[in-house]
C-alpha atoms as a PDB file:
ATOM      1  CA  MET A   1       0.000   0.000   0.000  1.00  0.00           C
ATOM      2  CA  LYS A   2       2.885   2.385   0.776  1.00  0.00           C
ATOM      3  CA  MET A   3       4.264   1.720  -2.698  1.00  0.00           C
ATOM      4  CA  ILE A   4       0.874   2.604  -4.249  1.00  0.00           C
ATOM      5  CA  HIS A   5       0.802   5.958  -2.415  1.00  0.00           C
ATOM      6  CA  ALA A   6       4.437   6.700  -3.279  1.00  0.00           C
ATOM      7  CA  ALA A   7       3.919   5.844  -6.959  1.00  0.00           C
ATOM      8  CA  SER A   8       0.763   7.975  -7.159  1.00  0.00           C
ATOM      9  CA  ALA A   9       2.566  10.911  -5.542  1.00  0.00           C
ATOM     10  CA  SER A  10       5.519  10.570  -7.924  1.00  0.00           C
ATOM     11  CA  ILE A  11       3.231  10.470 -10.970  1.00  0.00           C
ATOM     12  CA  ALA A  12       1.368  13.564  -9.766  1.00  0.00           C
ATOM     13  CA  LEU A  13       4.652  15.385  -9.089  1.00  0.00           C
ATOM     14  CA  LEU A  14       6.064  14.574 -12.506  1.00  0.00           C
ATOM     15  CA  ALA A  15       2.843  15.644 -14.208  1.00  0.00           C
ATOM     16  CA  ALA A  16       2.948  18.966 -12.347  1.00  0.00           C
ATOM     17  CA  SER A  17       6.537  19.666 -13.386  1.00  0.00           C
ATOM     18  CA  THR A  18       5.831  20.196 -17.090  1.00  0.00           C
ATOM     19  CA  GLY A  19       6.980  23.814 -17.162  1.00  0.00           C
ATOM     20  CA  ALA A  20       9.740  25.709 -18.856  1.00  0.00           C
ATOM     21  CA  ALA A  21      12.442  23.345 -17.587  1.00  0.00           C
ATOM     22  CA  LEU A  22      11.119  20.579 -19.831  1.00  0.00           C
ATOM     23  CA  ALA A  23       9.708  22.767 -22.594  1.00  0.00           C
ATOM     24  CA  GLN A  24      10.949  21.832 -26.036  1.00  0.00           C
ATOM     25  CA  SER A  25       9.612  21.041 -29.482  1.00  0.00           C
ATOM     26  CA  THR A  26       7.055  18.234 -29.350  1.00  0.00           C
ATOM     27  CA  ASP A  27       4.750  16.624 -31.824  1.00  0.00           C
ATOM     28  CA  ASP A  28       1.051  17.405 -31.452  1.00  0.00           C
ATOM     29  CA  THR A  29      -0.061  13.774 -31.559  1.00  0.00           C
ATOM     30  CA  TRP A  30       0.629  10.505 -29.761  1.00  0.00           C
ATOM     31  CA  THR A  31      -0.395   8.408 -32.758  1.00  0.00           C
ATOM     32  CA  GLY A  32       2.331   5.944 -33.741  1.00  0.00           C
ATOM     33  CA  GLY A  33       4.417   3.025 -32.605  1.00  0.00           C
ATOM     34  CA  TYR A  34       7.147   2.840 -29.983  1.00  0.00           C
ATOM     35  CA  VAL A  35       9.712   0.532 -28.406  1.00  0.00           C
ATOM     36  CA  GLY A  36      11.349   1.037 -25.051  1.00  0.00           C
ATOM     37  CA  LEU A  37      12.608  -0.134 -21.687  1.00  0.00           C
ATOM     38  CA  TYR A  38      11.223  -0.157 -18.171  1.00  0.00           C
ATOM     39  CA  GLY A  39      12.881  -0.566 -14.800  1.00  0.00           C
ATOM     40  CA  GLY A  40      11.889  -0.260 -11.174  1.00  0.00           C
ATOM     41  CA  VAL A  41      11.152  -2.233  -8.035  1.00  0.00           C
ATOM     42  CA  THR A  42       8.483  -4.679  -6.931  1.00  0.00           C
ATOM     43  CA  ASP A  43       6.756  -4.566  -3.585  1.00  0.00           C
ATOM     44  CA  SER A  44       6.643  -7.628  -1.345  1.00  0.00           C
ATOM     45  CA  PRO A  45       3.966 -10.072  -2.546  1.00  0.00           C
ATOM     46  CA  GLU A  46       0.660  -9.793  -0.735  1.00  0.00           C
ATOM     47  CA  ASP A  47       0.605 -11.971   2.374  1.00  0.00           C
ATOM     48  CA  ASN A  48      -2.172 -14.497   2.774  1.00  0.00           C
ATOM     49  CA  SER A  49      -2.405 -15.594   6.389  1.00  0.00           C
ATOM     50  CA  ASP A  50      -4.494 -18.588   5.287  1.00  0.00           C
ATOM     51  CA  ASP A  51      -1.773 -19.988   3.009  1.00  0.00           C
ATOM     52  CA  ARG A  52      -0.538 -23.342   4.290  1.00  0.00           C
ATOM     53  CA  PHE A  53       0.394 -26.859   3.152  1.00  0.00           C
ATOM     54  CA  VAL A  54      -2.340 -29.305   2.182  1.00  0.00           C
ATOM     55  CA  PHE A  55      -1.728 -33.047   1.998  1.00  0.00           C
ATOM     56  CA  ASP A  56      -2.761 -36.113   0.000  1.00  0.00           C
ATOM     57  CA  THR A  57      -1.780 -39.071   2.192  1.00  0.00           C
ATOM     58  CA  ASN A  58      -3.261 -41.869   0.058  1.00  0.00           C
ATOM     59  CA  LEU A  59      -2.101 -40.418  -3.292  1.00  0.00           C
ATOM     60  CA  ASP A  60      -5.609 -40.251  -4.766  1.00  0.00           C
ATOM     61  CA  ARG A  61      -4.957 -36.664  -5.976  1.00  0.00           C
ATOM     62  CA  VAL A  62      -7.484 -35.285  -3.496  1.00  0.00           C
ATOM     63  CA  TYR A  63      -5.903 -32.879  -1.025  1.00  0.00           C
ATOM     64  CA  GLY A  64      -7.140 -32.102   2.464  1.00  0.00           C
ATOM     65  CA  ASP A  65      -5.915 -35.149   4.414  1.00  0.00           C
ATOM     66  CA  THR A  66      -4.265 -34.911   7.828  1.00  0.00           C
ATOM     67  CA  VAL A  67      -0.786 -36.376   8.223  1.00  0.00           C
ATOM     68  CA  ARG A  68      -0.876 -38.286  11.502  1.00  0.00           C
ATOM     69  CA  THR A  69       1.759 -39.814  13.737  1.00  0.00           C
ATOM     70  CA  GLY A  70       1.670 -43.459  14.792  1.00  0.00           C
ATOM     71  CA  ALA A  71      -0.256 -42.334  17.887  1.00  0.00           C
ATOM     72  CA  GLY A  72      -2.879 -40.593  15.727  1.00  0.00           C
ATOM     73  CA  ALA A  73      -1.836 -37.007  16.480  1.00  0.00           C
ATOM     74  CA  ASP A  74      -1.629 -34.302  13.809  1.00  0.00           C
ATOM     75  CA  ALA A  75       1.998 -34.382  12.666  1.00  0.00           C
ATOM     76  CA  PHE A  76       1.766 -30.714  11.602  1.00  0.00           C
ATOM     77  CA  SER A  77       0.089 -29.358  14.714  1.00  0.00           C
ATOM     78  CA  PRO A  78       2.913 -26.793  15.279  1.00  0.00           C
ATOM     79  CA  GLY A  79       1.408 -24.863  12.360  1.00  0.00           C
ATOM     80  CA  PHE A  80       2.397 -22.792   9.348  1.00  0.00           C
ATOM     81  CA  CYS A  81       3.795 -19.364   8.516  1.00  0.00           C
ATOM     82  CA  ASN A  82       4.155 -17.014   5.550  1.00  0.00           C
ATOM     83  CA  GLY A  83       7.828 -16.824   4.622  1.00  0.00           C
ATOM     84  CA  ALA A  84      10.901 -19.027   4.923  1.00  0.00           C
ATOM     85  CA  ALA A  85      11.686 -20.806   8.197  1.00  0.00           C
ATOM     86  CA  ARG A  86      14.598 -19.614  10.319  1.00  0.00           C
ATOM     87  CA  GLY A  87      14.778 -22.991  12.038  1.00  0.00           C
ATOM     88  CA  ALA A  88      12.985 -26.238  12.793  1.00  0.00           C
ATOM     89  CA  THR A  89      10.409 -24.788  15.201  1.00  0.00           C
ATOM     90  CA  PRO A  90       7.832 -21.968  14.930  1.00  0.00           C
ATOM     91  CA  ALA A  91       9.460 -20.220  17.882  1.00  0.00           C
ATOM     92  CA  LEU A  92      12.391 -19.280  15.635  1.00  0.00           C
ATOM     93  CA  GLY A  93      10.022 -17.514  13.246  1.00  0.00           C
ATOM     94  CA  CYS A  94      10.062 -16.974   9.492  1.00  0.00           C
ATOM     95  CA  THR A  95      11.628 -14.390   7.202  1.00  0.00           C
ATOM     96  CA  GLU A  96       9.285 -12.029   5.377  1.00  0.00           C
ATOM     97  CA  ASN A  97       8.552 -12.437   1.696  1.00  0.00           C
ATOM     98  CA  ASP A  98      10.322  -9.788  -0.348  1.00  0.00           C
ATOM     99  CA  GLY A  99      10.348  -7.930  -3.638  1.00  0.00           C
ATOM    100  CA  GLY A 100      13.243  -6.646  -5.725  1.00  0.00           C
ATOM    101  CA  ALA A 101      14.213  -5.342  -9.151  1.00  0.00           C
ATOM    102  CA  ASP A 102      11.711  -5.199 -12.027  1.00  0.00           C
ATOM    103  CA  TYR A 103      12.967  -4.665 -15.595  1.00  0.00           C
ATOM    104  CA  GLY A 104      12.255  -5.481 -19.224  1.00  0.00           C
ATOM    105  CA  VAL A 105      11.472  -4.357 -22.759  1.00  0.00           C
ATOM    106  CA  ARG A 106       8.212  -3.026 -24.167  1.00  0.00           C
ATOM    107  CA  GLY A 107       6.600  -1.979 -27.411  1.00  0.00           C
ATOM    108  CA  GLY A 108       3.229  -0.723 -28.529  1.00  0.00           C
ATOM    109  CA  TYR A 109       1.071   1.541 -30.627  1.00  0.00           C
ATOM    110  CA  ASP A 110      -1.090   4.540 -29.698  1.00  0.00           C
ATOM    111  CA  TRP A 111      -3.968   6.298 -31.438  1.00  0.00           C
ATOM    112  CA  GLN A 112      -4.916   9.882 -30.513  1.00  0.00           C
ATOM    113  CA  MET A 113      -8.451  11.178 -31.038  1.00  0.00           C
ATOM    114  CA  GLY A 114      -8.701  14.751 -29.860  1.00  0.00           C
ATOM    115  CA  SER A 115      -7.324  14.804 -26.335  1.00  0.00           C
ATOM    116  CA  TRP A 116      -7.950  11.088 -25.816  1.00  0.00           C
ATOM    117  CA  VAL A 117      -5.288   8.472 -26.453  1.00  0.00           C
ATOM    118  CA  PHE A 118      -5.925   4.740 -26.831  1.00  0.00           C
ATOM    119  CA  GLY A 119      -3.262   2.104 -27.259  1.00  0.00           C
ATOM    120  CA  VAL A 120      -1.938  -1.405 -26.903  1.00  0.00           C
ATOM    121  CA  VAL A 121       1.365  -2.354 -25.243  1.00  0.00           C
ATOM    122  CA  GLY A 122       3.287  -5.605 -24.925  1.00  0.00           C
ATOM    123  CA  GLU A 123       6.054  -6.302 -22.400  1.00  0.00           C
ATOM    124  CA  TYR A 124       8.574  -9.011 -21.643  1.00  0.00           C
ATOM    125  CA  GLY A 125      10.744  -8.909 -18.553  1.00  0.00           C
ATOM    126  CA  ALA A 126      11.851 -10.321 -15.229  1.00  0.00           C
ATOM    127  CA  ASN A 127      11.743  -9.429 -11.559  1.00  0.00           C
ATOM    128  CA  ASP A 128      12.969 -10.643  -8.190  1.00  0.00           C
ATOM    129  CA  VAL A 129       9.699 -10.983  -6.272  1.00  0.00           C
ATOM    130  CA  ARG A 130       9.661 -14.124  -4.088  1.00  0.00           C
ATOM    131  CA  ASP A 131       6.929 -15.776  -2.058  1.00  0.00           C
ATOM    132  CA  ALA A 132       7.296 -18.617   0.478  1.00  0.00           C
ATOM    133  CA  VAL A 133       5.198 -20.629   2.921  1.00  0.00           C
ATOM    134  CA  THR A 134       6.463 -22.959   5.662  1.00  0.00           C
ATOM    135  CA  ALA A 135       5.011 -25.930   7.539  1.00  0.00           C
ATOM    136  CA  PHE A 136       6.357 -27.189  10.882  1.00  0.00           C
ATOM    137  CA  SER A 137       6.099 -30.818  12.016  1.00  0.00           C
ATOM    138  CA  THR A 138       6.279 -32.306  15.494  1.00  0.00           C
ATOM    139  CA  THR A 139       9.609 -34.009  14.669  1.00  0.00           C
ATOM    140  CA  PRO A 140      10.589 -31.069  14.895  1.00  0.00           C
ATOM    141  CA  ALA A 141      11.329 -30.090  11.290  1.00  0.00           C
ATOM    142  CA  TYR A 142      10.498 -27.346   8.816  1.00  0.00           C
ATOM    143  CA  TYR A 143       9.291 -27.648   5.207  1.00  0.00           C
ATOM    144  CA  THR A 144       9.403 -24.536   2.999  1.00  0.00           C
ATOM    145  CA  MET A 145       8.059 -23.987  -0.521  1.00  0.00           C
ATOM    146  CA  PHE A 146       9.401 -21.000  -2.484  1.00  0.00           C
ATOM    147  CA  ARG A 147       8.119 -19.550  -5.739  1.00  0.00           C
ATOM    148  CA  LYS A 148       9.722 -16.737  -7.747  1.00  0.00           C
ATOM    149  CA  VAL A 149       8.700 -15.010 -10.965  1.00  0.00           C
ATOM    150  CA  ASP A 150      11.431 -15.821 -13.475  1.00  0.00           C
ATOM    151  CA  ARG A 151       9.996 -14.250 -16.653  1.00  0.00           C
ATOM    152  CA  VAL A 152       6.723 -12.453 -17.280  1.00  0.00           C
ATOM    153  CA  ALA A 153       5.031 -11.467 -20.551  1.00  0.00           C
ATOM    154  CA  ALA A 154       2.069  -9.107 -20.698  1.00  0.00           C
ATOM    155  CA  LEU A 155      -0.328  -7.664 -23.267  1.00  0.00           C
ATOM    156  CA  ARG A 156      -2.383  -4.668 -22.151  1.00  0.00           C
ATOM    157  CA  LEU A 157      -4.658  -1.933 -23.437  1.00  0.00           C
ATOM    158  CA  ARG A 158      -4.324   1.614 -22.236  1.00  0.00           C
ATOM    159  CA  SER A 159      -6.549   4.676 -22.323  1.00  0.00           C
ATOM    160  CA  GLY A 160      -5.448   8.174 -21.394  1.00  0.00           C
ATOM    161  CA  TYR A 161      -5.844  11.918 -21.670  1.00  0.00           C
ATOM    162  CA  ALA A 162      -3.290  14.202 -23.330  1.00  0.00           C
ATOM    163  CA  PHE A 163      -2.873  17.756 -22.075  1.00  0.00           C
ATOM    164  CA  GLY A 164      -0.526  20.718 -21.973  1.00  0.00           C
ATOM    165  CA  ALA A 165       1.402  22.447 -24.740  1.00  0.00           C
ATOM    166  CA  ASP A 166       1.457  20.306 -27.894  1.00  0.00           C
ATOM    167  CA  SER A 167      -0.409  17.584 -25.924  1.00  0.00           C
ATOM    168  CA  ALA A 168       3.004  16.558 -24.614  1.00  0.00           C
ATOM    169  CA  ASN A 169       1.671  15.091 -21.344  1.00  0.00           C
ATOM    170  CA  LEU A 170      -0.358  11.914 -20.995  1.00  0.00           C
ATOM    171  CA  VAL A 171      -2.043  10.383 -17.961  1.00  0.00           C
ATOM    172  CA  TYR A 172      -3.493   6.931 -18.481  1.00  0.00           C
ATOM    173  CA  LEU A 173      -4.990   3.748 -17.117  1.00  0.00           C
ATOM    174  CA  THR A 174      -3.795   0.365 -18.356  1.00  0.00           C
ATOM    175  CA  GLY A 175      -4.961  -3.225 -17.987  1.00  0.00           C
ATOM    176  CA  GLY A 176      -4.615  -6.616 -19.613  1.00  0.00           C
ATOM    177  CA  MET A 177      -3.366 -10.182 -19.292  1.00  0.00           C
ATOM    178  CA  ALA A 178      -0.086 -11.639 -18.070  1.00  0.00           C
ATOM    179  CA  HIS A 179       1.717 -14.979 -18.208  1.00  0.00           C
ATOM    180  CA  ALA A 180       4.726 -15.866 -16.061  1.00  0.00           C
ATOM    181  CA  LYS A 181       7.294 -18.642 -15.788  1.00  0.00           C
ATOM    182  CA  ILE A 182       7.609 -19.444 -12.092  1.00  0.00           C
ATOM    183  CA  ASP A 183      10.686 -20.990 -10.479  1.00  0.00           C
ATOM    184  CA  ASN A 184       9.843 -23.338  -7.591  1.00  0.00           C
ATOM    185  CA  GLU A 185      12.147 -24.472  -4.792  1.00  0.00           C
ATOM    186  CA  PHE A 186      11.703 -26.664  -1.738  1.00  0.00           C
ATOM    187  CA  THR A 187      13.855 -26.938   1.386  1.00  0.00           C
ATOM    188  CA  THR A 188      13.474 -28.960   4.580  1.00  0.00           C
ATOM    189  CA  SER A 189      15.365 -29.965   7.694  1.00  0.00           C
ATOM    190  CA  ASN A 190      13.893 -33.484   7.441  1.00  0.00           C
ATOM    191  CA  GLY A 191      16.810 -35.738   6.519  1.00  0.00           C
ATOM    192  CA  ALA A 192      14.982 -39.069   6.724  1.00  0.00           C
ATOM    193  CA  ASN A 193      12.425 -38.918   3.910  1.00  0.00           C
ATOM    194  CA  SER A 194      13.058 -38.369   0.205  1.00  0.00           C
ATOM    195  CA  PHE A 195      11.513 -35.370  -1.576  1.00  0.00           C
ATOM    196  CA  THR A 196      10.662 -35.034  -5.275  1.00  0.00           C
ATOM    197  CA  THR A 197       9.239 -31.807  -6.733  1.00  0.00           C
ATOM    198  CA  ASN A 198       7.255 -31.286  -9.928  1.00  0.00           C
ATOM    199  CA  GLY A 199       9.714 -28.608 -11.073  1.00  0.00           C
ATOM    200  CA  ASP A 200       9.021 -25.126 -12.382  1.00  0.00           C
ATOM    201  CA  THR A 201       5.490 -24.084 -13.277  1.00  0.00           C
ATOM    202  CA  SER A 202       3.672 -21.156 -14.868  1.00  0.00           C
ATOM    203  CA  GLY A 203       0.997 -18.678 -13.915  1.00  0.00           C
ATOM    204  CA  PHE A 204      -1.720 -16.789 -15.784  1.00  0.00           C
ATOM    205  CA  GLY A 205      -3.470 -13.660 -14.633  1.00  0.00           C
ATOM    206  CA  TRP A 206      -4.027  -9.963 -15.157  1.00  0.00           C
ATOM    207  CA  GLN A 207      -2.384  -6.588 -14.708  1.00  0.00           C
ATOM    208  CA  ALA A 208      -3.813  -3.129 -14.017  1.00  0.00           C
ATOM    209  CA  GLY A 209      -2.146   0.184 -13.397  1.00  0.00           C
ATOM    210  CA  VAL A 210      -1.877   3.936 -13.803  1.00  0.00           C
ATOM    211  CA  GLY A 211       0.820   6.051 -15.373  1.00  0.00           C
ATOM    212  CA  TYR A 212       2.104   9.385 -16.614  1.00  0.00           C
ATOM    213  CA  GLU A 213       4.147   9.887 -19.797  1.00  0.00           C
ATOM    214  CA  ARG A 214       5.912  12.995 -21.126  1.00  0.00           C
ATOM    215  CA  LYS A 215       7.135  13.539 -24.688  1.00  0.00           C
ATOM    216  CA  LEU A 216      10.639  14.994 -24.927  1.00  0.00           C
ATOM    217  CA  GLY A 217      10.849  16.022 -28.532  1.00  0.00           C
ATOM    218  CA  GLU A 218       9.301  14.176 -31.432  1.00  0.00           C
ATOM    219  CA  ASN A 219      10.793  10.730 -30.851  1.00  0.00           C
ATOM    220  CA  VAL A 220      11.427  10.267 -27.127  1.00  0.00           C
ATOM    221  CA  SER A 221       9.057   9.930 -24.178  1.00  0.00           C
ATOM    222  CA  VAL A 222       9.649   9.125 -20.510  1.00  0.00           C
ATOM    223  CA  GLY A 223       7.227   8.168 -17.790  1.00  0.00           C
ATOM    224  CA  LEU A 224       6.343   6.721 -14.415  1.00  0.00           C
ATOM    225  CA  GLU A 225       3.965   3.823 -13.883  1.00  0.00           C
ATOM    226  CA  TYR A 226       2.485   1.765 -11.079  1.00  0.00           C
ATOM    227  CA  LEU A 227       1.380  -1.735 -12.101  1.00  0.00           C
ATOM    228  CA  PHE A 228      -0.372  -4.414 -10.059  1.00  0.00           C
ATOM    229  CA  THR A 229      -0.017  -8.051 -11.170  1.00  0.00           C
ATOM    230  CA  SER A 230      -2.268 -10.904 -10.037  1.00  0.00           C
ATOM    231  CA  LEU A 231      -1.270 -14.418 -11.123  1.00  0.00           C
ATOM    232  CA  GLU A 232      -2.871 -17.791 -10.493  1.00  0.00           C
ATOM    233  CA  ALA A 233       0.122 -20.102 -10.249  1.00  0.00           C
ATOM    234  CA  ASP A 234       0.027 -23.778 -11.199  1.00  0.00           C
ATOM    235  CA  ASP A 235       0.365 -26.195  -8.292  1.00  0.00           C
ATOM    236  CA  GLN A 236       3.803 -26.619  -6.765  1.00  0.00           C
ATOM    237  CA  ARG A 237       3.791 -30.235  -5.556  1.00  0.00           C
ATOM    238  CA  VAL A 238       6.267 -32.231  -3.508  1.00  0.00           C
ATOM    239  CA  ARG A 239       6.198 -36.045  -3.131  1.00  0.00           C
ATOM    240  CA  THR A 240       7.507 -37.110   0.279  1.00  0.00           C
ATOM    241  CA  GLY A 241       8.851 -40.641  -0.175  1.00  0.00           C
ATOM    242  CA  PRO A 242      10.391 -43.322   2.065  1.00  0.00           C
ATOM    243  CA  GLY A 243      14.051 -42.337   1.910  1.00  0.00           C
ATOM    244  CA  THR A 244      15.590 -43.987   4.978  1.00  0.00           C
ATOM    245  CA  ALA A 245      12.474 -43.535   7.118  1.00  0.00           C
ATOM    246  CA  PRO A 246      10.753 -46.557   8.721  1.00  0.00           C
ATOM    247  CA  ALA A 247       7.266 -47.713   7.734  1.00  0.00           C
ATOM    248  CA  THR A 248       5.891 -45.983  10.847  1.00  0.00           C
ATOM    249  CA  ASN A 249       6.899 -42.583   9.465  1.00  0.00           C
ATOM    250  CA  PRO A 250       3.802 -40.294   9.357  1.00  0.00           C
ATOM    251  CA  PHE A 251       4.218 -39.709   5.613  1.00  0.00           C
ATOM    252  CA  LEU A 252       4.175 -43.491   4.946  1.00  0.00           C
ATOM    253  CA  ILE A 253       1.475 -44.825   7.274  1.00  0.00           C
ATOM    254  CA  VAL A 254      -1.450 -44.449   4.847  1.00  0.00           C
ATOM    255  CA  ASN A 255       0.460 -45.244   1.651  1.00  0.00           C
ATOM    256  CA  PRO A 256       4.004 -46.691   1.794  1.00  0.00           C
ATOM    257  CA  ALA A 257       4.837 -44.831  -1.437  1.00  0.00           C
ATOM    258  CA  GLY A 258       4.575 -41.545   0.441  1.00  0.00           C
ATOM    259  CA  THR A 259       2.483 -38.383   0.715  1.00  0.00           C
ATOM    260  CA  ASP A 260       1.992 -35.516  -1.735  1.00  0.00           C
ATOM    261  CA  MET A 261       1.860 -31.950  -0.467  1.00  0.00           C
ATOM    262  CA  ARG A 262       1.269 -28.554  -2.048  1.00  0.00           C
ATOM    263  CA  ARG A 263       0.505 -25.026  -0.932  1.00  0.00           C
ATOM    264  CA  SER A 264      -3.148 -24.113  -0.532  1.00  0.00           C
ATOM    265  CA  ASP A 265      -3.052 -20.650  -2.133  1.00  0.00           C
ATOM    266  CA  LYS A 266      -2.455 -20.318  -5.875  1.00  0.00           C
ATOM    267  CA  ASP A 267      -2.651 -16.509  -5.880  1.00  0.00           C
ATOM    268  CA  PHE A 268       0.633 -14.688  -6.482  1.00  0.00           C
ATOM    269  CA  ASP A 269       0.000 -10.919  -6.291  1.00  0.00           C
ATOM    270  CA  TYR A 270       2.489  -8.049  -6.267  1.00  0.00           C
ATOM    271  CA  GLY A 271       2.891  -4.414  -7.280  1.00  0.00           C
ATOM    272  CA  ALA A 272       5.678  -2.620  -9.128  1.00  0.00           C
ATOM    273  CA  ALA A 273       6.703   1.032  -9.455  1.00  0.00           C
ATOM    274  CA  ARG A 274       8.761   1.660 -12.573  1.00  0.00           C
ATOM    275  CA  ALA A 275      10.206   4.304 -14.867  1.00  0.00           C
ATOM    276  CA  THR A 276       9.843   4.000 -18.643  1.00  0.00           C
ATOM    277  CA  VAL A 277      11.701   5.383 -21.640  1.00  0.00           C
ATOM    278  CA  ASN A 278      10.402   4.949 -25.194  1.00  0.00           C
ATOM    279  CA  TRP A 279      11.622   5.646 -28.712  1.00  0.00           C
ATOM    280  CA  ARG A 280       8.587   6.707 -30.751  1.00  0.00           C
ATOM    281  CA  PHE A 281       8.203   6.475 -34.524  1.00  0.00           C
END
């Protein structure tokens, strides 16, 4: 939320600064194509306090089972946390999920009708946003699933209003669809069982944002933009197998082949504040 307020304030400040310091010859229309770059930072992904591990103990592909000890107790009664474990017990806590750099290339086309500008923009880039959830067992042991956006492609529409001398300033709204390649990792302090992951996955979703763009001469424009991305990530699954564990191991009691586990929340949401520079033609 702080990033949203900061981005909005920056956009408003830049829009208000279109005086003599930036005055130069500009075209009177936004119609045309462009290619460019963007760079900025992502906020921490939105926390979901309900995110946890869910289990399939009999390997029937239906999740929601309880992993139980030989005595019938819930093997994961210590609970769950958002973030990566600092140790084998909840008392040691978890690190917070974090954001990072956001960068890529973009291209699009705009049409101006009077003071209104309509366009389409495509982007391809990467960022460092990472999201984790941890489960704690009675052993004690921790189990952490990480997911990180590796690459993201987006196709959006935008609609805005041009104003000022030579219509050199543009404020706009943008929205569209996004697809991401998601890197998955799994770590645990359990050294008895074996663990097999289903590898990297992908996510589909949408983007929406607001921005300000300023033409600097006929062929160059710069801007600021805040963009929110909401992805529904494919399941990250981990098969917990026998390893060196005995048949009385909680993961093996129902089915000796093991237990599957995944995170309960598929949503992967984050915001980004970025600067843009475009070559227009």
